[in-house]
Amino acid sequence: MQRFFDRMEASIVWIAIALLALMVILIGSQVCARYILNQAFYWTEELGRHVMIWMVMLAAAVCLRRGFHLNINLLEQRLSGRGRAALRFLVGLVLSGFFYLMISEGWSLAVKTMVQRSSALHYPMGLVYASLPICGVLMFVFNIEQMARAVKSFNHRHPPADPSPTSSEGN
């Protein structure tokens, strides 16, 4: 199962990298066209902004899995191994509720905005808002993985200090 999640994460990272490269090309071409041709491409800013939204949402899912999001771990540091695992599981439950809302409300927003067209390229704005439910599902799945790790470490007599897949000191 770990290999499946690792491959999923690697795929998401490569997609985010490709989106970043596309965004740099789009914005770079707009700047070059403006200063060299004295004529800006009207569509590059809009597409670059929408590509950035997708890139950030995908990167947020990877950050969740790697434990890179900003957190305050004062309480966690003061707890024993089993207490830490229980706290991580509780935090996972709260996050699951948030991700559920992100998925359900994001889906509703994406469906409602499928009739709205982008101003420059005229594609459905629901394609941009679809990043909410899709990345919400990814975050939900990665959160379930973290919760399973918390349960596993709770059941061990001496759980590891940090059961996240890539532990980083100072998080």
N, C-alpha and C. Protein backbone atom coordinates (compact mmCIF):
# COMPACT_ATOMS: atom_id res chain seq x y z
N MET A 1 0.82 -1.19 0.00
CA MET A 1 0.00 0.00 0.00
C MET A 1 0.86 1.26 0.00
N GLN A 2 1.97 1.20 0.73
CA GLN A 2 2.89 2.34 0.78
C GLN A 2 3.39 2.68 -0.61
N ARG A 3 3.69 1.67 -1.40
CA ARG A 3 4.19 1.89 -2.76
C ARG A 3 3.14 2.60 -3.62
N PHE A 4 1.87 2.24 -3.44
CA PHE A 4 0.78 2.89 -4.17
C PHE A 4 0.74 4.38 -3.85
N PHE A 5 0.79 4.72 -2.56
CA PHE A 5 0.76 6.13 -2.16
C PHE A 5 2.00 6.87 -2.64
N ASP A 6 3.15 6.22 -2.61
CA ASP A 6 4.38 6.85 -3.11
C ASP A 6 4.28 7.14 -4.60
N ARG A 7 3.73 6.20 -5.35
CA ARG A 7 3.56 6.42 -6.80
C ARG A 7 2.54 7.51 -7.07
N MET A 8 1.46 7.53 -6.30
CA MET A 8 0.46 8.58 -6.46
C MET A 8 1.08 9.95 -6.19
N GLU A 9 1.85 10.04 -5.12
CA GLU A 9 2.52 11.30 -4.79
C GLU A 9 3.49 11.71 -5.89
N ALA A 10 4.27 10.77 -6.39
CA ALA A 10 5.23 11.08 -7.45
C ALA A 10 4.52 11.58 -8.71
N SER A 11 3.39 10.97 -9.04
CA SER A 11 2.62 11.41 -10.20
C SER A 11 2.11 12.84 -10.01
N ILE A 12 1.62 13.12 -8.82
CA ILE A 12 1.12 14.46 -8.54
C ILE A 12 2.25 15.48 -8.61
N VAL A 13 3.40 15.12 -8.08
CA VAL A 13 4.56 16.03 -8.12
C VAL A 13 4.94 16.34 -9.57
N TRP A 14 4.98 15.32 -10.43
CA TRP A 14 5.33 15.55 -11.83
C TRP A 14 4.30 16.40 -12.55
N ILE A 15 3.04 16.20 -12.24
CA ILE A 15 1.99 17.05 -12.83
C ILE A 15 2.17 18.49 -12.37
N ALA A 16 2.43 18.68 -11.08
CA ALA A 16 2.64 20.04 -10.56
C ALA A 16 3.86 20.69 -11.19
N ILE A 17 4.92 19.93 -11.40
CA ILE A 17 6.12 20.47 -12.06
C ILE A 17 5.79 20.88 -13.50
N ALA A 18 5.05 20.05 -14.20
CA ALA A 18 4.66 20.37 -15.58
C ALA A 18 3.80 21.63 -15.61
N LEU A 19 2.89 21.76 -14.65
CA LEU A 19 2.05 22.96 -14.59
C LEU A 19 2.88 24.20 -14.27
N LEU A 20 3.87 24.06 -13.41
CA LEU A 20 4.76 25.18 -13.12
C LEU A 20 5.53 25.60 -14.37
N ALA A 21 6.04 24.63 -15.10
CA ALA A 21 6.76 24.94 -16.34
C ALA A 21 5.85 25.64 -17.34
N LEU A 22 4.62 25.14 -17.46
CA LEU A 22 3.65 25.77 -18.36
C LEU A 22 3.36 27.20 -17.94
N MET A 23 3.19 27.40 -16.65
CA MET A 23 2.92 28.75 -16.14
C MET A 23 4.08 29.70 -16.45
N VAL A 24 5.30 29.24 -16.25
CA VAL A 24 6.48 30.07 -16.54
C VAL A 24 6.53 30.41 -18.03
N ILE A 25 6.24 29.45 -18.88
CA ILE A 25 6.24 29.68 -20.32
C ILE A 25 5.15 30.69 -20.71
N LEU A 26 3.97 30.51 -20.14
CA LEU A 26 2.86 31.42 -20.47
C LEU A 26 3.16 32.85 -20.06
N ILE A 27 3.56 33.03 -18.81
CA ILE A 27 3.82 34.39 -18.31
C ILE A 27 5.06 34.96 -18.97
N GLY A 28 6.07 34.13 -19.19
CA GLY A 28 7.28 34.60 -19.88
C GLY A 28 6.98 35.05 -21.29
N SER A 29 6.14 34.30 -22.00
CA SER A 29 5.79 34.71 -23.37
C SER A 29 4.99 36.00 -23.38
N GLN A 30 4.16 36.19 -22.36
CA GLN A 30 3.40 37.43 -22.28
C GLN A 30 4.33 38.63 -22.07
N VAL A 31 5.30 38.48 -21.19
CA VAL A 31 6.25 39.56 -20.93
C VAL A 31 7.08 39.84 -22.17
N CYS A 32 7.59 38.79 -22.81
CA CYS A 32 8.39 38.98 -24.03
C CYS A 32 7.58 39.65 -25.13
N ALA A 33 6.36 39.19 -25.31
CA ALA A 33 5.51 39.77 -26.36
C ALA A 33 5.22 41.24 -26.07
N ARG A 34 5.02 41.56 -24.82
CA ARG A 34 4.71 42.94 -24.47
C ARG A 34 5.90 43.86 -24.73
N TYR A 35 7.11 43.41 -24.39
CA TYR A 35 8.27 44.28 -24.52
C TYR A 35 8.95 44.18 -25.88
N ILE A 36 8.84 43.06 -26.56
CA ILE A 36 9.49 42.91 -27.86
C ILE A 36 8.54 43.30 -29.00
N LEU A 37 7.31 42.79 -28.92
CA LEU A 37 6.34 43.03 -29.99
C LEU A 37 5.42 44.22 -29.72
N ASN A 38 5.51 44.78 -28.51
CA ASN A 38 4.60 45.85 -28.08
C ASN A 38 3.14 45.42 -28.19
N GLN A 39 2.91 44.14 -28.07
CA GLN A 39 1.56 43.59 -28.16
C GLN A 39 1.49 42.37 -27.23
N ALA A 40 0.72 42.45 -26.17
CA ALA A 40 0.61 41.34 -25.23
C ALA A 40 -0.42 40.33 -25.74
N PHE A 41 -0.15 39.06 -25.49
CA PHE A 41 -1.14 38.03 -25.78
C PHE A 41 -2.25 38.16 -24.74
N TYR A 42 -3.47 38.25 -25.18
CA TYR A 42 -4.58 38.52 -24.27
C TYR A 42 -4.95 37.32 -23.40
N TRP A 43 -4.57 36.13 -23.78
CA TRP A 43 -5.05 34.92 -23.11
C TRP A 43 -4.04 34.32 -22.13
N THR A 44 -2.77 34.73 -22.19
CA THR A 44 -1.76 34.07 -21.37
C THR A 44 -1.92 34.34 -19.88
N GLU A 45 -2.34 35.54 -19.53
CA GLU A 45 -2.50 35.84 -18.11
C GLU A 45 -3.60 35.01 -17.48
N GLU A 46 -4.72 34.91 -18.18
CA GLU A 46 -5.84 34.12 -17.66
C GLU A 46 -5.47 32.64 -17.52
N LEU A 47 -4.90 32.08 -18.56
CA LEU A 47 -4.53 30.67 -18.52
C LEU A 47 -3.44 30.43 -17.48
N GLY A 48 -2.47 31.33 -17.37
CA GLY A 48 -1.43 31.20 -16.36
C GLY A 48 -1.99 31.20 -14.95
N ARG A 49 -2.98 32.06 -14.70
CA ARG A 49 -3.61 32.13 -13.38
C ARG A 49 -4.35 30.84 -13.06
N HIS A 50 -5.05 30.29 -14.05
CA HIS A 50 -5.81 29.06 -13.81
C HIS A 50 -4.89 27.85 -13.67
N VAL A 51 -3.80 27.84 -14.39
CA VAL A 51 -2.79 26.78 -14.23
C VAL A 51 -2.18 26.86 -12.84
N MET A 52 -1.94 28.08 -12.35
CA MET A 52 -1.37 28.25 -11.02
C MET A 52 -2.31 27.71 -9.94
N ILE A 53 -3.60 27.93 -10.10
CA ILE A 53 -4.57 27.41 -9.12
C ILE A 53 -4.46 25.90 -9.02
N TRP A 54 -4.43 25.22 -10.17
CA TRP A 54 -4.31 23.76 -10.17
C TRP A 54 -2.99 23.32 -9.56
N MET A 55 -1.91 24.01 -9.92
CA MET A 55 -0.58 23.64 -9.41
C MET A 55 -0.54 23.76 -7.87
N VAL A 56 -1.06 24.85 -7.35
CA VAL A 56 -1.04 25.07 -5.90
C VAL A 56 -1.89 24.03 -5.18
N MET A 57 -3.04 23.71 -5.73
CA MET A 57 -3.91 22.73 -5.07
C MET A 57 -3.27 21.33 -5.07
N LEU A 58 -2.64 20.96 -6.17
CA LEU A 58 -1.96 19.66 -6.21
C LEU A 58 -0.76 19.64 -5.26
N ALA A 59 -0.01 20.74 -5.22
CA ALA A 59 1.13 20.81 -4.31
C ALA A 59 0.67 20.77 -2.86
N ALA A 60 -0.48 21.33 -2.56
CA ALA A 60 -1.01 21.29 -1.19
C ALA A 60 -1.29 19.85 -0.75
N ALA A 61 -1.77 19.02 -1.68
CA ALA A 61 -2.01 17.61 -1.35
C ALA A 61 -0.70 16.91 -1.03
N VAL A 62 0.34 17.18 -1.80
CA VAL A 62 1.65 16.58 -1.53
C VAL A 62 2.20 17.08 -0.20
N CYS A 63 2.04 18.37 0.07
CA CYS A 63 2.51 18.92 1.34
C CYS A 63 1.79 18.28 2.52
N LEU A 64 0.51 17.99 2.36
CA LEU A 64 -0.22 17.32 3.44
C LEU A 64 0.38 15.95 3.71
N ARG A 65 0.68 15.22 2.67
CA ARG A 65 1.24 13.87 2.86
C ARG A 65 2.61 13.93 3.51
N ARG A 66 3.41 14.90 3.12
CA ARG A 66 4.77 15.00 3.64
C ARG A 66 4.85 15.71 4.99
N GLY A 67 3.75 16.26 5.44
CA GLY A 67 3.73 16.96 6.73
C GLY A 67 4.41 18.31 6.67
N PHE A 68 4.35 18.98 5.52
CA PHE A 68 5.04 20.26 5.34
C PHE A 68 4.17 21.47 5.66
N HIS A 69 2.90 21.26 5.94
CA HIS A 69 2.05 22.41 6.25
C HIS A 69 2.43 22.99 7.60
N LEU A 70 2.23 24.27 7.73
CA LEU A 70 2.53 24.97 8.97
C LEU A 70 1.67 24.39 10.09
N ASN A 71 2.29 24.11 11.22
CA ASN A 71 1.52 23.64 12.36
C ASN A 71 2.17 24.10 13.65
N ILE A 72 1.39 24.06 14.70
CA ILE A 72 1.89 24.38 16.04
C ILE A 72 1.90 23.06 16.79
N ASN A 73 3.09 22.59 17.14
CA ASN A 73 3.20 21.27 17.73
C ASN A 73 3.64 21.30 19.18
N LEU A 74 3.33 22.37 19.88
CA LEU A 74 3.69 22.48 21.29
C LEU A 74 3.04 21.37 22.12
N LEU A 75 1.75 21.15 21.91
CA LEU A 75 1.06 20.09 22.65
C LEU A 75 1.60 18.72 22.26
N GLU A 76 1.81 18.52 20.97
CA GLU A 76 2.30 17.23 20.49
C GLU A 76 3.66 16.89 21.09
N GLN A 77 4.53 17.87 21.25
CA GLN A 77 5.86 17.64 21.81
C GLN A 77 5.79 17.25 23.28
N ARG A 78 4.77 17.68 23.97
CA ARG A 78 4.65 17.39 25.40
C ARG A 78 3.97 16.05 25.69
N LEU A 79 3.44 15.41 24.68
CA LEU A 79 2.74 14.15 24.86
C LEU A 79 3.68 12.97 24.68
N SER A 80 3.29 11.85 25.27
CA SER A 80 4.03 10.61 25.07
C SER A 80 3.75 10.06 23.68
N GLY A 81 4.38 8.96 23.34
CA GLY A 81 4.20 8.37 22.01
C GLY A 81 2.76 8.03 21.69
N ARG A 82 2.06 7.41 22.62
CA ARG A 82 0.66 7.04 22.38
C ARG A 82 -0.23 8.27 22.37
N GLY A 83 0.10 9.25 23.20
CA GLY A 83 -0.65 10.51 23.19
C GLY A 83 -0.49 11.24 21.87
N ARG A 84 0.72 11.23 21.34
CA ARG A 84 0.96 11.85 20.03
C ARG A 84 0.13 11.16 18.95
N ALA A 85 0.14 9.85 18.99
CA ALA A 85 -0.62 9.09 17.98
C ALA A 85 -2.11 9.40 18.10
N ALA A 86 -2.62 9.47 19.32
CA ALA A 86 -4.04 9.78 19.52
C ALA A 86 -4.35 11.20 19.04
N LEU A 87 -3.47 12.15 19.32
CA LEU A 87 -3.67 13.53 18.86
C LEU A 87 -3.65 13.60 17.34
N ARG A 88 -2.71 12.90 16.71
CA ARG A 88 -2.65 12.89 15.25
C ARG A 88 -3.92 12.29 14.64
N PHE A 89 -4.44 11.26 15.28
CA PHE A 89 -5.68 10.66 14.79
C PHE A 89 -6.83 11.64 14.93
N LEU A 90 -6.91 12.34 16.06
CA LEU A 90 -7.96 13.33 16.29
C LEU A 90 -7.87 14.47 15.27
N VAL A 91 -6.66 14.95 15.03
CA VAL A 91 -6.46 15.99 14.02
C VAL A 91 -6.88 15.47 12.65
N GLY A 92 -6.58 14.22 12.36
CA GLY A 92 -6.99 13.60 11.11
C GLY A 92 -8.51 13.56 10.95
N LEU A 93 -9.22 13.30 12.06
CA LEU A 93 -10.68 13.31 12.00
C LEU A 93 -11.22 14.69 11.67
N VAL A 94 -10.65 15.71 12.29
CA VAL A 94 -11.08 17.08 12.01
C VAL A 94 -10.78 17.43 10.55
N LEU A 95 -9.59 17.08 10.09
CA LEU A 95 -9.24 17.35 8.70
C LEU A 95 -10.15 16.59 7.74
N SER A 96 -10.54 15.38 8.10
CA SER A 96 -11.45 14.61 7.25
C SER A 96 -12.76 15.35 7.04
N GLY A 97 -13.26 15.97 8.10
CA GLY A 97 -14.49 16.77 7.98
C GLY A 97 -14.29 17.95 7.05
N PHE A 98 -13.14 18.61 7.17
CA PHE A 98 -12.84 19.74 6.29
C PHE A 98 -12.74 19.27 4.83
N PHE A 99 -12.06 18.16 4.61
CA PHE A 99 -11.89 17.66 3.25
C PHE A 99 -13.23 17.21 2.66
N TYR A 100 -14.11 16.66 3.51
CA TYR A 100 -15.45 16.30 3.04
C TYR A 100 -16.18 17.54 2.54
N LEU A 101 -16.12 18.62 3.31
CA LEU A 101 -16.74 19.87 2.87
C LEU A 101 -16.10 20.42 1.61
N MET A 102 -14.80 20.30 1.54
CA MET A 102 -14.08 20.76 0.35
C MET A 102 -14.53 19.99 -0.89
N ILE A 103 -14.72 18.70 -0.74
CA ILE A 103 -15.15 17.87 -1.86
C ILE A 103 -16.60 18.18 -2.24
N SER A 104 -17.49 18.15 -1.26
CA SER A 104 -18.92 18.32 -1.58
C SER A 104 -19.23 19.73 -2.06
N GLU A 105 -18.74 20.74 -1.36
CA GLU A 105 -19.02 22.12 -1.77
C GLU A 105 -18.23 22.49 -3.03
N GLY A 106 -17.04 21.96 -3.17
CA GLY A 106 -16.26 22.20 -4.38
C GLY A 106 -16.92 21.59 -5.60
N TRP A 107 -17.48 20.39 -5.43
CA TRP A 107 -18.19 19.75 -6.53
C TRP A 107 -19.40 20.59 -6.93
N SER A 108 -20.14 21.05 -5.93
CA SER A 108 -21.31 21.88 -6.20
C SER A 108 -20.91 23.16 -6.95
N LEU A 109 -19.83 23.79 -6.51
CA LEU A 109 -19.35 25.01 -7.17
C LEU A 109 -18.89 24.73 -8.59
N ALA A 110 -18.18 23.63 -8.79
CA ALA A 110 -17.70 23.28 -10.13
C ALA A 110 -18.87 23.03 -11.08
N VAL A 111 -19.89 22.33 -10.60
CA VAL A 111 -21.05 22.05 -11.45
C VAL A 111 -21.79 23.35 -11.80
N LYS A 112 -21.98 24.22 -10.80
CA LYS A 112 -22.69 25.48 -11.04
C LYS A 112 -21.95 26.38 -12.01
N THR A 113 -20.64 26.32 -12.01
CA THR A 113 -19.87 27.25 -12.85
C THR A 113 -19.48 26.65 -14.20
N MET A 114 -19.98 25.47 -14.53
CA MET A 114 -19.71 24.90 -15.85
C MET A 114 -20.36 25.72 -16.96
N VAL A 115 -21.40 26.48 -16.65
CA VAL A 115 -22.05 27.31 -17.66
C VAL A 115 -21.35 28.66 -17.82
N GLN A 116 -20.57 29.05 -16.81
CA GLN A 116 -19.83 30.32 -16.88
C GLN A 116 -18.57 30.10 -17.71
N ARG A 117 -18.28 31.01 -18.59
CA ARG A 117 -17.11 30.89 -19.48
C ARG A 117 -16.01 31.84 -19.05
N SER A 118 -14.77 31.42 -19.23
CA SER A 118 -13.65 32.30 -18.95
C SER A 118 -13.67 33.45 -19.95
N SER A 119 -13.15 34.59 -19.54
CA SER A 119 -13.29 35.78 -20.37
C SER A 119 -12.44 35.73 -21.64
N ALA A 120 -11.26 35.17 -21.59
CA ALA A 120 -10.38 35.20 -22.76
C ALA A 120 -10.50 33.94 -23.63
N LEU A 121 -10.45 32.79 -23.02
CA LEU A 121 -10.42 31.54 -23.79
C LEU A 121 -11.78 30.85 -23.90
N HIS A 122 -12.76 31.31 -23.14
CA HIS A 122 -14.14 30.83 -23.22
C HIS A 122 -14.32 29.35 -22.90
N TYR A 123 -13.46 28.80 -22.04
CA TYR A 123 -13.70 27.44 -21.56
C TYR A 123 -14.49 27.53 -20.26
N PRO A 124 -15.16 26.45 -19.86
CA PRO A 124 -15.98 26.50 -18.65
C PRO A 124 -15.14 26.76 -17.40
N MET A 125 -15.59 27.71 -16.59
CA MET A 125 -14.88 28.02 -15.35
C MET A 125 -14.97 26.86 -14.36
N GLY A 126 -15.92 25.98 -14.56
CA GLY A 126 -16.01 24.80 -13.71
C GLY A 126 -14.76 23.94 -13.78
N LEU A 127 -14.03 24.02 -14.88
CA LEU A 127 -12.78 23.27 -14.99
C LEU A 127 -11.73 23.80 -14.01
N VAL A 128 -11.77 25.09 -13.75
CA VAL A 128 -10.85 25.67 -12.78
C VAL A 128 -11.29 25.29 -11.37
N TYR A 129 -12.59 25.44 -11.10
CA TYR A 129 -13.11 25.13 -9.76
C TYR A 129 -13.11 23.64 -9.46
N ALA A 130 -12.95 22.81 -10.47
CA ALA A 130 -12.87 21.36 -10.24
C ALA A 130 -11.62 20.98 -9.46
N SER A 131 -10.68 21.91 -9.35
CA SER A 131 -9.49 21.64 -8.54
C SER A 131 -9.86 21.42 -7.07
N LEU A 132 -10.93 22.06 -6.61
CA LEU A 132 -11.34 21.88 -5.21
C LEU A 132 -11.76 20.45 -4.90
N PRO A 133 -12.74 19.87 -5.59
CA PRO A 133 -13.12 18.51 -5.22
C PRO A 133 -12.05 17.47 -5.57
N ILE A 134 -11.35 17.65 -6.68
CA ILE A 134 -10.34 16.65 -7.06
C ILE A 134 -9.19 16.65 -6.07
N CYS A 135 -8.67 17.81 -5.74
CA CYS A 135 -7.57 17.86 -4.78
C CYS A 135 -8.07 17.57 -3.37
N GLY A 136 -9.35 17.85 -3.11
CA GLY A 136 -9.94 17.47 -1.83
C GLY A 136 -9.94 15.96 -1.65
N VAL A 137 -10.24 15.22 -2.73
CA VAL A 137 -10.19 13.75 -2.67
C VAL A 137 -8.76 13.29 -2.41
N LEU A 138 -7.80 13.90 -3.11
CA LEU A 138 -6.40 13.52 -2.89
C LEU A 138 -5.98 13.77 -1.44
N MET A 139 -6.35 14.94 -0.92
CA MET A 139 -6.01 15.26 0.47
C MET A 139 -6.72 14.32 1.44
N PHE A 140 -7.96 13.97 1.15
CA PHE A 140 -8.70 13.05 2.00
C PHE A 140 -8.01 11.69 2.04
N VAL A 141 -7.58 11.21 0.87
CA VAL A 141 -6.91 9.90 0.80
C VAL A 141 -5.59 9.95 1.56
N PHE A 142 -4.80 11.01 1.36
CA PHE A 142 -3.53 11.13 2.08
C PHE A 142 -3.77 11.28 3.59
N ASN A 143 -4.86 11.94 3.96
CA ASN A 143 -5.18 12.09 5.37
C ASN A 143 -5.56 10.74 5.99
N ILE A 144 -6.29 9.93 5.26
CA ILE A 144 -6.63 8.58 5.75
C ILE A 144 -5.35 7.77 5.95
N GLU A 145 -4.40 7.93 5.03
CA GLU A 145 -3.12 7.24 5.19
C GLU A 145 -2.43 7.68 6.48
N GLN A 146 -2.44 8.98 6.76
CA GLN A 146 -1.82 9.49 7.99
C GLN A 146 -2.55 8.98 9.23
N MET A 147 -3.87 8.91 9.15
CA MET A 147 -4.64 8.40 10.28
C MET A 147 -4.33 6.92 10.52
N ALA A 148 -4.16 6.15 9.46
CA ALA A 148 -3.81 4.73 9.60
C ALA A 148 -2.43 4.60 10.25
N ARG A 149 -1.51 5.48 9.89
CA ARG A 149 -0.19 5.47 10.53
C ARG A 149 -0.30 5.79 12.02
N ALA A 150 -1.19 6.72 12.36
CA ALA A 150 -1.38 7.08 13.77
C ALA A 150 -1.94 5.89 14.55
N VAL A 151 -2.91 5.18 13.97
CA VAL A 151 -3.47 4.00 14.63
C VAL A 151 -2.41 2.93 14.80
N LYS A 152 -1.61 2.73 13.76
CA LYS A 152 -0.55 1.72 13.82
C LYS A 152 0.47 2.06 14.90
N SER A 153 0.86 3.34 14.99
CA SER A 153 1.84 3.72 16.01
C SER A 153 1.22 3.70 17.40
N PHE A 154 -0.10 3.93 17.51
CA PHE A 154 -0.76 3.86 18.81
C PHE A 154 -0.75 2.43 19.33
N ASN A 155 -0.89 1.48 18.44
CA ASN A 155 -0.94 0.07 18.84
C ASN A 155 0.43 -0.51 19.17
N HIS A 156 1.49 0.16 18.78
CA HIS A 156 2.83 -0.30 19.14
C HIS A 156 3.19 0.18 20.55
N ARG A 157 3.99 -0.58 21.21
CA ARG A 157 4.37 -0.24 22.57
C ARG A 157 5.22 1.02 22.60
N HIS A 158 6.16 1.14 21.69
CA HIS A 158 7.02 2.32 21.61
C HIS A 158 6.92 2.90 20.20
N PRO A 159 5.89 3.74 19.94
CA PRO A 159 5.73 4.28 18.59
C PRO A 159 6.85 5.24 18.24
N PRO A 160 7.12 5.37 16.94
CA PRO A 160 8.15 6.33 16.53
C PRO A 160 7.72 7.75 16.85
N ALA A 161 8.68 8.65 16.93
CA ALA A 161 8.40 10.02 17.28
C ALA A 161 7.53 10.70 16.23
N ASP A 162 7.75 10.41 14.95
CA ASP A 162 7.00 11.04 13.88
C ASP A 162 6.68 9.99 12.82
N PRO A 163 5.41 9.56 12.73
CA PRO A 163 5.08 8.52 11.76
C PRO A 163 4.84 9.02 10.35
N SER A 164 5.08 10.30 10.07
CA SER A 164 4.87 10.79 8.70
C SER A 164 5.91 10.19 7.77
N PRO A 165 5.58 10.05 6.46
CA PRO A 165 6.49 9.37 5.54
C PRO A 165 7.82 10.07 5.38
N THR A 166 7.82 11.40 5.43
CA THR A 166 9.08 12.14 5.34
C THR A 166 9.14 13.09 6.52
N SER A 167 9.79 12.66 7.54
CA SER A 167 9.88 13.46 8.75
C SER A 167 10.88 14.59 8.55
N SER A 168 10.49 15.77 9.00
CA SER A 168 11.40 16.90 8.94
C SER A 168 11.45 17.56 10.30
N GLU A 169 12.62 17.82 10.76
CA GLU A 169 12.83 18.40 12.07
C GLU A 169 12.38 19.85 12.05
N GLY A 170 11.70 20.28 13.09
CA GLY A 170 11.31 21.67 13.22
C GLY A 170 9.93 21.98 12.65
N ASN A 171 9.20 20.99 12.18
CA ASN A 171 7.84 21.23 11.67
C ASN A 171 6.90 21.44 12.81
